[in-house]
Amino acid sequence: MDGKARLIRALLMSSVMVLMVTLLPTLLHLGLRSDFVLQWVKAYSIASPVAAGTAFVIMPAARRLSECIVGRLNGTH
């Protein structure tokens, strides 16, 4: 996979994950108050670059590890 595709995949995957892991705890912690969206956007803006960078770095190893696990489960490794 080329660098652009890897970066786009990392951004897409991490964006959805960060949305969920910031939205739900923010909602549970604060409730639906008047500044909820602002507080959620703050949490998202902090977590999103960290998650995207982590996904970009970890994705090749995660892909290899998952292929290895599936290979062992299928008896091909």
C-alpha atoms as a PDB file:
ATOM      1  CA  MET A   1       0.000   0.000   0.000  1.00  0.00           C
ATOM      2  CA  ASP A   2       1.434   3.376  -0.937  1.00  0.00           C
ATOM      3  CA  GLY A   3       1.897   6.190   1.564  1.00  0.00           C
ATOM      4  CA  LYS A   4      -1.152   8.199   0.459  1.00  0.00           C
ATOM      5  CA  ALA A   5      -3.521   5.251   0.770  1.00  0.00           C
ATOM      6  CA  ARG A   6      -2.031   4.325   4.136  1.00  0.00           C
ATOM      7  CA  LEU A   7      -2.432   7.884   5.401  1.00  0.00           C
ATOM      8  CA  ILE A   8      -6.025   8.160   4.154  1.00  0.00           C
ATOM      9  CA  ARG A   9      -6.942   4.799   5.694  1.00  0.00           C
ATOM     10  CA  ALA A  10      -5.370   5.818   9.007  1.00  0.00           C
ATOM     11  CA  LEU A  11      -7.243   9.134   8.981  1.00  0.00           C
ATOM     12  CA  LEU A  12     -10.590   7.527   8.170  1.00  0.00           C
ATOM     13  CA  MET A  13     -10.279   4.733  10.701  1.00  0.00           C
ATOM     14  CA  SER A  14      -9.039   6.950  13.491  1.00  0.00           C
ATOM     15  CA  SER A  15     -11.662   9.633  12.810  1.00  0.00           C
ATOM     16  CA  VAL A  16     -14.525   7.210  13.373  1.00  0.00           C
ATOM     17  CA  MET A  17     -12.879   5.654  16.411  1.00  0.00           C
ATOM     18  CA  VAL A  18     -12.117   9.028  17.986  1.00  0.00           C
ATOM     19  CA  LEU A  19     -15.648  10.225  17.306  1.00  0.00           C
ATOM     20  CA  MET A  20     -17.057   7.351  19.342  1.00  0.00           C
ATOM     21  CA  VAL A  21     -14.495   7.335  22.148  1.00  0.00           C
ATOM     22  CA  THR A  22     -14.827  11.070  22.709  1.00  0.00           C
ATOM     23  CA  LEU A  23     -18.556  11.495  22.077  1.00  0.00           C
ATOM     24  CA  LEU A  24     -19.841   8.825  24.448  1.00  0.00           C
ATOM     25  CA  PRO A  25     -17.647   9.599  27.471  1.00  0.00           C
ATOM     26  CA  THR A  26     -18.227  13.339  27.032  1.00  0.00           C
ATOM     27  CA  LEU A  27     -21.968  12.746  26.912  1.00  0.00           C
ATOM     28  CA  LEU A  28     -21.902  10.452  29.933  1.00  0.00           C
ATOM     29  CA  HIS A  29     -19.651  12.773  31.918  1.00  0.00           C
ATOM     30  CA  LEU A  30     -21.287  16.115  31.097  1.00  0.00           C
ATOM     31  CA  GLY A  31     -24.783  15.255  29.924  1.00  0.00           C
ATOM     32  CA  LEU A  32     -26.563  17.340  27.301  1.00  0.00           C
ATOM     33  CA  ARG A  33     -25.733  20.796  28.557  1.00  0.00           C
ATOM     34  CA  SER A  34     -25.432  24.011  26.603  1.00  0.00           C
ATOM     35  CA  ASP A  35     -21.675  23.711  25.970  1.00  0.00           C
ATOM     36  CA  PHE A  36     -21.702  19.977  25.228  1.00  0.00           C
ATOM     37  CA  VAL A  37     -20.742  20.346  21.548  1.00  0.00           C
ATOM     38  CA  LEU A  38     -17.885  22.719  22.389  1.00  0.00           C
ATOM     39  CA  GLN A  39     -16.536  20.341  25.026  1.00  0.00           C
ATOM     40  CA  TRP A  40     -16.844  17.367  22.688  1.00  0.00           C
ATOM     41  CA  VAL A  41     -15.052  19.249  19.874  1.00  0.00           C
ATOM     42  CA  LYS A  42     -12.219  20.070  22.283  1.00  0.00           C
ATOM     43  CA  ALA A  43     -11.842  16.406  23.231  1.00  0.00           C
ATOM     44  CA  TYR A  44     -12.025  15.337  19.572  1.00  0.00           C
ATOM     45  CA  SER A  45      -9.465  17.904  18.440  1.00  0.00           C
ATOM     46  CA  ILE A  46      -6.971  16.697  21.041  1.00  0.00           C
ATOM     47  CA  ALA A  47      -7.499  12.972  20.484  1.00  0.00           C
ATOM     48  CA  SER A  48      -7.791  12.966  16.691  1.00  0.00           C
ATOM     49  CA  PRO A  49      -4.174  13.798  15.739  1.00  0.00           C
ATOM     50  CA  VAL A  50      -2.856  11.388  18.363  1.00  0.00           C
ATOM     51  CA  ALA A  51      -5.074   8.577  17.066  1.00  0.00           C
ATOM     52  CA  ALA A  52      -4.287   9.290  13.407  1.00  0.00           C
ATOM     53  CA  GLY A  53      -0.550   9.251  14.041  1.00  0.00           C
ATOM     54  CA  THR A  54      -0.811   6.082  16.071  1.00  0.00           C
ATOM     55  CA  ALA A  55      -2.930   4.370  13.409  1.00  0.00           C
ATOM     56  CA  PHE A  56      -0.482   5.382  10.678  1.00  0.00           C
ATOM     57  CA  VAL A  57       2.464   3.930  12.593  1.00  0.00           C
ATOM     58  CA  ILE A  58       0.748   0.800  13.922  1.00  0.00           C
ATOM     59  CA  MET A  59      -1.262  -0.224  10.842  1.00  0.00           C
ATOM     60  CA  PRO A  60       1.497  -2.185   9.012  1.00  0.00           C
ATOM     61  CA  ALA A  61       2.340  -4.233  12.112  1.00  0.00           C
ATOM     62  CA  ALA A  62      -1.340  -4.772  12.904  1.00  0.00           C
ATOM     63  CA  ARG A  63      -1.948  -5.977   9.347  1.00  0.00           C
ATOM     64  CA  ARG A  64       0.968  -8.432   9.539  1.00  0.00           C
ATOM     65  CA  LEU A  65      -0.095  -9.683  12.957  1.00  0.00           C
ATOM     66  CA  SER A  66      -3.710 -10.177  11.882  1.00  0.00           C
ATOM     67  CA  GLU A  67      -2.570 -12.060   8.750  1.00  0.00           C
ATOM     68  CA  CYS A  68      -0.399 -14.278  10.938  1.00  0.00           C
ATOM     69  CA  ILE A  69      -3.253 -14.981  13.367  1.00  0.00           C
ATOM     70  CA  VAL A  70      -5.699 -15.758  10.558  1.00  0.00           C
ATOM     71  CA  GLY A  71      -3.078 -17.966   8.900  1.00  0.00           C
ATOM     72  CA  ARG A  72      -2.616 -19.946  12.108  1.00  0.00           C
ATOM     73  CA  LEU A  73      -6.373 -20.238  12.599  1.00  0.00           C
ATOM     74  CA  ASN A  74      -6.704 -21.522   9.037  1.00  0.00           C
ATOM     75  CA  GLY A  75      -3.718 -23.862   9.472  1.00  0.00           C
ATOM     76  CA  THR A  76      -1.642 -22.233   6.715  1.00  0.00           C
ATOM     77  CA  HIS A  77       1.196 -20.981   8.942  1.00  0.00           C
END
